[in-house]
């Protein structure tokens, strides 16, 4: 079976991030449990509601989103 260029790997969710011009990100499902990511999902719910059609949209600047994902995936320092 061939994979399309825009196919999504198992365990990831595509989402569009940005205010105005949006950028596509693939986010691992494990991040959905992180408290920082929960805040983003709540922002999306407030702006778009639960019934938004199509891909999940996050109303956040893409650079801020990258920083948040980096913080959420960082290994704790010992």
Protein backbone atom coordinates (compact mmCIF):
# COMPACT_ATOMS: atom_id res chain seq x y z
CA UNK A 1 0.00 0.00 0.00
CA UNK A 2 1.45 3.37 -0.96
CA UNK A 3 1.27 6.32 1.40
CA UNK A 4 0.14 9.68 0.18
CA UNK A 5 2.50 12.59 0.59
CA UNK A 6 0.13 14.24 3.09
CA UNK A 7 -0.67 11.08 5.08
CA UNK A 8 -0.41 11.19 8.85
CA UNK A 9 1.77 8.70 10.77
CA UNK A 10 0.08 6.48 13.34
CA UNK A 11 -0.18 8.19 16.73
CA UNK A 12 -0.18 11.73 15.34
CA UNK A 13 -2.96 14.28 14.76
CA UNK A 14 -2.75 16.98 12.11
CA UNK A 15 -3.68 20.48 13.20
CA UNK A 16 -3.59 23.97 11.83
CA UNK A 17 -2.00 26.56 14.10
CA UNK A 18 -2.04 30.33 13.77
CA UNK A 19 -4.09 33.46 13.79
CA UNK A 20 -4.72 34.52 10.22
CA UNK A 21 -2.11 32.60 8.28
CA UNK A 22 -2.05 29.03 9.58
CA UNK A 23 0.74 26.46 9.62
CA UNK A 24 0.20 22.68 9.60
CA UNK A 25 1.67 20.63 12.46
CA UNK A 26 1.62 16.93 13.29
CA UNK A 27 1.24 16.43 17.03
CA UNK A 28 1.71 13.14 18.85
CA UNK A 29 -1.36 12.04 20.77
CA UNK A 30 0.66 11.77 24.01
CA UNK A 31 0.82 15.58 24.12
CA UNK A 32 -2.95 15.83 24.49
CA UNK A 33 -2.60 14.83 28.16
CA UNK A 34 -0.05 17.54 28.99
CA UNK A 35 -1.44 20.50 31.02
CA UNK A 36 0.08 23.09 28.65
CA UNK A 37 -1.55 21.42 25.68
CA UNK A 38 -4.87 21.20 27.49
CA UNK A 39 -4.86 25.01 27.70
CA UNK A 40 -4.48 25.21 23.90
CA UNK A 41 -7.37 22.81 23.39
CA UNK A 42 -9.53 24.94 25.69
CA UNK A 43 -8.60 28.03 23.64
CA UNK A 44 -9.67 26.23 20.47
CA UNK A 45 -12.96 25.19 22.07
CA UNK A 46 -13.68 28.77 23.17
CA UNK A 47 -12.96 30.21 19.74
CA UNK A 48 -14.35 27.52 17.43
CA UNK A 49 -16.59 25.31 19.61
CA UNK A 50 -16.61 21.53 19.66
CA UNK A 51 -18.30 21.18 16.29
CA UNK A 52 -15.62 22.69 14.07
CA UNK A 53 -15.49 20.79 10.77
CA UNK A 54 -12.29 19.34 9.35
CA UNK A 55 -8.87 19.53 10.92
CA UNK A 56 -8.32 20.75 14.48
CA UNK A 57 -7.43 24.44 14.59
CA UNK A 58 -5.46 26.10 17.39
CA UNK A 59 -5.74 29.93 17.68
CA UNK A 60 -2.14 30.49 18.75
CA UNK A 61 0.91 32.06 17.13
CA UNK A 62 2.94 29.27 15.48
CA UNK A 63 6.18 30.32 17.22
CA UNK A 64 4.44 30.23 20.60
CA UNK A 65 3.05 26.83 19.69
CA UNK A 66 6.54 25.52 18.87
CA UNK A 67 7.81 26.80 22.22
CA UNK A 68 4.93 25.18 24.05
CA UNK A 69 5.49 21.83 22.31
CA UNK A 70 9.21 22.03 23.13
CA UNK A 71 8.43 22.71 26.79
CA UNK A 72 5.88 19.89 26.91
CA UNK A 73 8.26 17.37 25.36
CA UNK A 74 11.41 18.42 27.25
CA UNK A 75 12.96 15.81 29.49
CA UNK A 76 13.09 16.88 33.14
CA UNK A 77 16.59 17.78 34.31
CA UNK A 78 17.95 15.51 37.03
